[in-house]
Amino acid sequence: MFLPEGDMVVNSQTIHRFRPGAFYQSYIHQVPILPFVYLLKPRMLFGKEMGPAWMKFTQVVGEPVYPPPLRDDGTFPKKELDNYAESVASWMEECISEYHAPEGD
């Protein structure tokens, strides 16, 4: 399992820029990336928000995202791999946005 974010902050729902290693490995071995995201929400007790030690975690696993096909000349398709990583990050950001959207929207 790879966690491609270079930086992670405790209890943060911000997706940081990905490092390319996981996507390069996926391309070289022609295996999909299985994206997942942890959604955090504070727990409530008697109508008050509890502290950060009492967060509720929900894990959402997405559909596999497949790498571009191998090139015959053996070169890395940098632009395509950047788009590949961006598609995974976009899915994660959409999941977080939907989860934290006000109810009724």
N, C-alpha and C. Protein backbone atom coordinates (compact mmCIF):
# COMPACT_ATOMS: atom_id res chain seq x y z
N MET A 1 0.86 -1.17 0.00
CA MET A 1 0.00 0.00 0.00
C MET A 1 0.90 1.23 0.00
N PHE A 2 0.55 2.19 -0.82
CA PHE A 2 1.24 3.47 -0.88
C PHE A 2 0.28 4.56 -0.42
N LEU A 3 0.78 5.50 0.31
CA LEU A 3 0.05 6.72 0.60
C LEU A 3 0.84 7.83 -0.09
N PRO A 4 0.39 8.28 -1.27
CA PRO A 4 1.22 9.13 -2.12
C PRO A 4 1.36 10.58 -1.69
N GLU A 5 0.65 11.00 -0.65
CA GLU A 5 0.81 12.38 -0.22
C GLU A 5 2.15 12.55 0.47
N GLY A 6 2.85 13.60 0.15
CA GLY A 6 4.14 13.87 0.78
C GLY A 6 3.98 14.41 2.18
N ASP A 7 2.89 15.13 2.42
CA ASP A 7 2.64 15.75 3.73
C ASP A 7 1.24 15.40 4.18
N MET A 8 1.14 15.05 5.45
CA MET A 8 -0.17 14.80 6.04
C MET A 8 -0.24 15.53 7.37
N VAL A 9 -1.39 16.08 7.67
CA VAL A 9 -1.61 16.82 8.90
C VAL A 9 -2.72 16.11 9.66
N VAL A 10 -2.52 15.88 10.94
CA VAL A 10 -3.50 15.18 11.76
C VAL A 10 -4.84 15.93 11.71
N ASN A 11 -5.91 15.17 11.50
CA ASN A 11 -7.29 15.67 11.46
C ASN A 11 -7.54 16.70 10.36
N SER A 12 -6.72 16.72 9.34
CA SER A 12 -6.91 17.64 8.22
C SER A 12 -7.65 16.93 7.10
N GLN A 13 -8.53 17.64 6.43
CA GLN A 13 -9.25 17.10 5.28
C GLN A 13 -8.75 17.72 3.98
N THR A 14 -7.54 18.26 4.00
CA THR A 14 -6.93 18.84 2.82
C THR A 14 -6.08 17.79 2.11
N ILE A 15 -6.29 17.65 0.80
CA ILE A 15 -5.49 16.73 0.01
C ILE A 15 -4.27 17.49 -0.47
N HIS A 16 -3.10 17.05 -0.06
CA HIS A 16 -1.85 17.70 -0.45
C HIS A 16 -1.35 17.11 -1.77
N ARG A 17 -0.44 17.81 -2.39
CA ARG A 17 0.12 17.38 -3.68
C ARG A 17 0.73 15.99 -3.54
N PHE A 18 0.43 15.11 -4.49
CA PHE A 18 0.93 13.74 -4.46
C PHE A 18 2.37 13.67 -4.94
N ARG A 19 3.11 12.74 -4.36
CA ARG A 19 4.43 12.37 -4.88
C ARG A 19 4.18 11.35 -6.00
N PRO A 20 5.01 11.31 -7.02
CA PRO A 20 4.70 10.48 -8.19
C PRO A 20 5.00 8.98 -8.06
N GLY A 21 5.71 8.55 -7.03
CA GLY A 21 6.18 7.16 -6.95
C GLY A 21 5.10 6.10 -7.09
N ALA A 22 3.98 6.24 -6.41
CA ALA A 22 2.92 5.24 -6.49
C ALA A 22 2.36 5.14 -7.90
N PHE A 23 2.27 6.28 -8.57
CA PHE A 23 1.71 6.29 -9.92
C PHE A 23 2.71 5.74 -10.94
N TYR A 24 4.00 5.97 -10.71
CA TYR A 24 5.04 5.36 -11.56
C TYR A 24 5.01 3.84 -11.40
N GLN A 25 4.91 3.37 -10.16
CA GLN A 25 4.86 1.92 -9.93
C GLN A 25 3.62 1.30 -10.57
N SER A 26 2.50 1.98 -10.46
CA SER A 26 1.27 1.51 -11.07
C SER A 26 1.43 1.40 -12.58
N TYR A 27 2.09 2.40 -13.18
CA TYR A 27 2.31 2.40 -14.63
C TYR A 27 3.27 1.28 -15.04
N ILE A 28 4.39 1.15 -14.35
CA ILE A 28 5.39 0.14 -14.69
C ILE A 28 4.80 -1.27 -14.62
N HIS A 29 4.01 -1.53 -13.58
CA HIS A 29 3.47 -2.87 -13.37
C HIS A 29 2.06 -3.05 -13.95
N GLN A 30 1.51 -1.96 -14.50
CA GLN A 30 0.18 -1.98 -15.11
C GLN A 30 -0.88 -2.53 -14.16
N VAL A 31 -0.88 -1.99 -12.95
CA VAL A 31 -1.89 -2.34 -11.95
C VAL A 31 -2.64 -1.06 -11.57
N PRO A 32 -3.91 -1.18 -11.22
CA PRO A 32 -4.69 0.02 -10.90
C PRO A 32 -4.36 0.56 -9.51
N ILE A 33 -4.68 1.82 -9.35
CA ILE A 33 -4.66 2.47 -8.03
C ILE A 33 -6.06 2.31 -7.46
N LEU A 34 -6.16 1.89 -6.22
CA LEU A 34 -7.45 1.79 -5.54
C LEU A 34 -7.52 2.96 -4.55
N PRO A 35 -8.19 4.06 -4.94
CA PRO A 35 -8.18 5.24 -4.07
C PRO A 35 -9.09 5.05 -2.86
N PHE A 36 -8.67 5.62 -1.75
CA PHE A 36 -9.53 5.66 -0.57
C PHE A 36 -9.27 6.95 0.18
N VAL A 37 -10.25 7.35 0.94
CA VAL A 37 -10.14 8.59 1.70
C VAL A 37 -10.79 8.38 3.07
N TYR A 38 -10.19 8.98 4.08
CA TYR A 38 -10.77 8.98 5.42
C TYR A 38 -11.54 10.28 5.60
N LEU A 39 -12.80 10.16 5.96
CA LEU A 39 -13.63 11.32 6.20
C LEU A 39 -13.75 11.51 7.70
N LEU A 40 -13.50 12.72 8.16
CA LEU A 40 -13.49 13.01 9.59
C LEU A 40 -14.64 13.92 9.96
N LYS A 41 -15.27 13.64 11.07
CA LYS A 41 -16.34 14.49 11.57
C LYS A 41 -16.27 14.47 13.09
N PRO A 42 -16.37 15.64 13.73
CA PRO A 42 -16.34 15.66 15.19
C PRO A 42 -17.56 14.95 15.77
N ARG A 43 -17.37 14.27 16.86
CA ARG A 43 -18.49 13.64 17.56
C ARG A 43 -19.18 14.70 18.42
N MET A 44 -20.45 14.46 18.65
CA MET A 44 -21.24 15.39 19.46
C MET A 44 -21.67 14.68 20.74
N LEU A 45 -21.71 15.43 21.84
CA LEU A 45 -22.19 14.91 23.12
C LEU A 45 -23.04 16.01 23.75
N PHE A 46 -24.30 15.72 23.98
CA PHE A 46 -25.24 16.69 24.54
C PHE A 46 -25.27 17.98 23.71
N GLY A 47 -25.19 17.84 22.38
CA GLY A 47 -25.28 18.98 21.49
C GLY A 47 -24.00 19.79 21.35
N LYS A 48 -22.93 19.37 22.01
CA LYS A 48 -21.66 20.09 21.91
C LYS A 48 -20.63 19.23 21.20
N GLU A 49 -19.80 19.90 20.42
CA GLU A 49 -18.75 19.21 19.69
C GLU A 49 -17.65 18.77 20.66
N MET A 50 -17.28 17.49 20.57
CA MET A 50 -16.21 16.97 21.42
C MET A 50 -14.85 17.35 20.82
N GLY A 51 -13.80 17.20 21.57
CA GLY A 51 -12.46 17.58 21.15
C GLY A 51 -11.92 16.71 20.02
N PRO A 52 -10.74 17.09 19.48
CA PRO A 52 -10.17 16.38 18.33
C PRO A 52 -9.80 14.93 18.60
N ALA A 53 -9.68 14.55 19.86
CA ALA A 53 -9.36 13.15 20.17
C ALA A 53 -10.58 12.25 19.97
N TRP A 54 -11.75 12.82 19.74
CA TRP A 54 -12.99 12.06 19.63
C TRP A 54 -13.60 12.18 18.23
N MET A 55 -12.77 12.19 17.21
CA MET A 55 -13.26 12.31 15.84
C MET A 55 -13.88 10.99 15.37
N LYS A 56 -14.88 11.11 14.51
CA LYS A 56 -15.48 9.94 13.86
C LYS A 56 -14.81 9.79 12.51
N PHE A 57 -14.27 8.60 12.23
CA PHE A 57 -13.59 8.31 10.97
C PHE A 57 -14.49 7.41 10.13
N THR A 58 -14.65 7.78 8.86
CA THR A 58 -15.35 6.94 7.90
C THR A 58 -14.42 6.76 6.72
N GLN A 59 -14.18 5.53 6.31
CA GLN A 59 -13.33 5.27 5.16
C GLN A 59 -14.20 4.97 3.94
N VAL A 60 -13.89 5.66 2.84
CA VAL A 60 -14.59 5.43 1.57
C VAL A 60 -13.56 4.92 0.57
N VAL A 61 -13.87 3.80 -0.06
CA VAL A 61 -12.98 3.20 -1.06
C VAL A 61 -13.62 3.41 -2.42
N GLY A 62 -12.84 3.95 -3.35
CA GLY A 62 -13.34 4.23 -4.69
C GLY A 62 -13.13 3.07 -5.64
N GLU A 63 -13.54 3.29 -6.86
CA GLU A 63 -13.34 2.31 -7.93
C GLU A 63 -11.87 2.33 -8.36
N PRO A 64 -11.33 1.22 -8.85
CA PRO A 64 -9.94 1.20 -9.33
C PRO A 64 -9.75 2.19 -10.48
N VAL A 65 -8.60 2.87 -10.47
CA VAL A 65 -8.24 3.79 -11.55
C VAL A 65 -7.03 3.19 -12.25
N TYR A 66 -7.17 2.94 -13.54
CA TYR A 66 -6.14 2.23 -14.29
C TYR A 66 -5.12 3.18 -14.91
N PRO A 67 -3.86 2.76 -14.97
CA PRO A 67 -2.81 3.60 -15.55
C PRO A 67 -2.89 3.62 -17.08
N PRO A 68 -2.22 4.58 -17.70
CA PRO A 68 -2.15 4.56 -19.16
C PRO A 68 -1.36 3.33 -19.62
N PRO A 69 -1.61 2.87 -20.84
CA PRO A 69 -0.87 1.70 -21.33
C PRO A 69 0.62 1.99 -21.49
N LEU A 70 1.43 0.93 -21.36
CA LEU A 70 2.88 1.07 -21.53
C LEU A 70 3.20 1.55 -22.94
N ARG A 71 4.23 2.38 -23.03
CA ARG A 71 4.68 2.85 -24.33
C ARG A 71 5.68 1.85 -24.91
N ASP A 72 5.64 1.69 -26.21
CA ASP A 72 6.55 0.75 -26.89
C ASP A 72 8.00 1.18 -26.79
N ASP A 73 8.25 2.50 -26.72
CA ASP A 73 9.63 2.99 -26.69
C ASP A 73 10.22 3.00 -25.28
N GLY A 74 9.44 2.62 -24.26
CA GLY A 74 9.95 2.52 -22.90
C GLY A 74 10.01 3.84 -22.14
N THR A 75 9.50 4.93 -22.71
CA THR A 75 9.53 6.23 -22.02
C THR A 75 8.34 6.36 -21.08
N PHE A 76 8.49 7.27 -20.10
CA PHE A 76 7.41 7.56 -19.16
C PHE A 76 6.55 8.67 -19.74
N PRO A 77 5.24 8.47 -19.78
CA PRO A 77 4.34 9.53 -20.24
C PRO A 77 4.04 10.49 -19.09
N LYS A 78 4.97 11.40 -18.80
CA LYS A 78 4.86 12.26 -17.61
C LYS A 78 3.53 13.00 -17.54
N LYS A 79 3.09 13.58 -18.64
CA LYS A 79 1.84 14.34 -18.64
C LYS A 79 0.66 13.43 -18.31
N GLU A 80 0.63 12.24 -18.90
CA GLU A 80 -0.45 11.30 -18.64
C GLU A 80 -0.43 10.82 -17.18
N LEU A 81 0.75 10.62 -16.62
CA LEU A 81 0.86 10.20 -15.22
C LEU A 81 0.44 11.33 -14.28
N ASP A 82 0.75 12.58 -14.65
CA ASP A 82 0.27 13.72 -13.86
C ASP A 82 -1.25 13.77 -13.87
N ASN A 83 -1.86 13.54 -15.03
CA ASN A 83 -3.32 13.51 -15.13
C ASN A 83 -3.91 12.34 -14.34
N TYR A 84 -3.22 11.24 -14.34
CA TYR A 84 -3.61 10.04 -13.59
C TYR A 84 -3.67 10.36 -12.09
N ALA A 85 -2.60 10.98 -11.58
CA ALA A 85 -2.56 11.37 -10.17
C ALA A 85 -3.62 12.41 -9.86
N GLU A 86 -3.82 13.35 -10.77
CA GLU A 86 -4.82 14.40 -10.57
C GLU A 86 -6.23 13.82 -10.50
N SER A 87 -6.51 12.80 -11.31
CA SER A 87 -7.85 12.20 -11.27
C SER A 87 -8.13 11.54 -9.92
N VAL A 88 -7.11 10.92 -9.33
CA VAL A 88 -7.28 10.31 -8.01
C VAL A 88 -7.48 11.40 -6.95
N ALA A 89 -6.66 12.45 -6.99
CA ALA A 89 -6.79 13.55 -6.02
C ALA A 89 -8.16 14.23 -6.15
N SER A 90 -8.63 14.40 -7.37
CA SER A 90 -9.94 15.03 -7.60
C SER A 90 -11.06 14.20 -6.99
N TRP A 91 -10.98 12.88 -7.18
CA TRP A 91 -11.99 12.00 -6.59
C TRP A 91 -12.00 12.15 -5.07
N MET A 92 -10.81 12.18 -4.47
CA MET A 92 -10.71 12.31 -3.02
C MET A 92 -11.30 13.64 -2.55
N GLU A 93 -10.98 14.73 -3.25
CA GLU A 93 -11.52 16.04 -2.87
C GLU A 93 -13.03 16.10 -3.02
N GLU A 94 -13.58 15.49 -4.08
CA GLU A 94 -15.03 15.45 -4.27
C GLU A 94 -15.71 14.68 -3.14
N CYS A 95 -15.11 13.56 -2.74
CA CYS A 95 -15.66 12.77 -1.63
C CYS A 95 -15.73 13.60 -0.35
N ILE A 96 -14.65 14.29 -0.06
CA ILE A 96 -14.59 15.12 1.15
C ILE A 96 -15.61 16.24 1.08
N SER A 97 -15.72 16.89 -0.08
CA SER A 97 -16.68 17.99 -0.24
C SER A 97 -18.12 17.50 -0.05
N GLU A 98 -18.45 16.37 -0.67
CA GLU A 98 -19.81 15.83 -0.53
C GLU A 98 -20.12 15.46 0.92
N TYR A 99 -19.16 14.91 1.61
CA TYR A 99 -19.36 14.48 2.99
C TYR A 99 -19.60 15.68 3.92
N HIS A 100 -18.89 16.76 3.66
CA HIS A 100 -18.98 17.93 4.54
C HIS A 100 -19.97 18.98 4.05
N ALA A 101 -20.68 18.70 2.94
CA ALA A 101 -21.65 19.65 2.44
C ALA A 101 -22.82 19.74 3.43
N PRO A 102 -23.36 20.94 3.58
CA PRO A 102 -24.54 21.08 4.48
C PRO A 102 -25.68 20.19 3.99
N GLU A 103 -26.40 19.62 4.91
CA GLU A 103 -27.51 18.74 4.54
C GLU A 103 -28.60 19.55 3.85
N GLY A 104 -29.21 18.95 2.84
CA GLY A 104 -30.27 19.61 2.11
C GLY A 104 -29.78 20.26 0.83
N ASP A 105 -28.45 20.27 0.59
CA ASP A 105 -27.93 20.86 -0.65
C ASP A 105 -27.88 19.83 -1.74
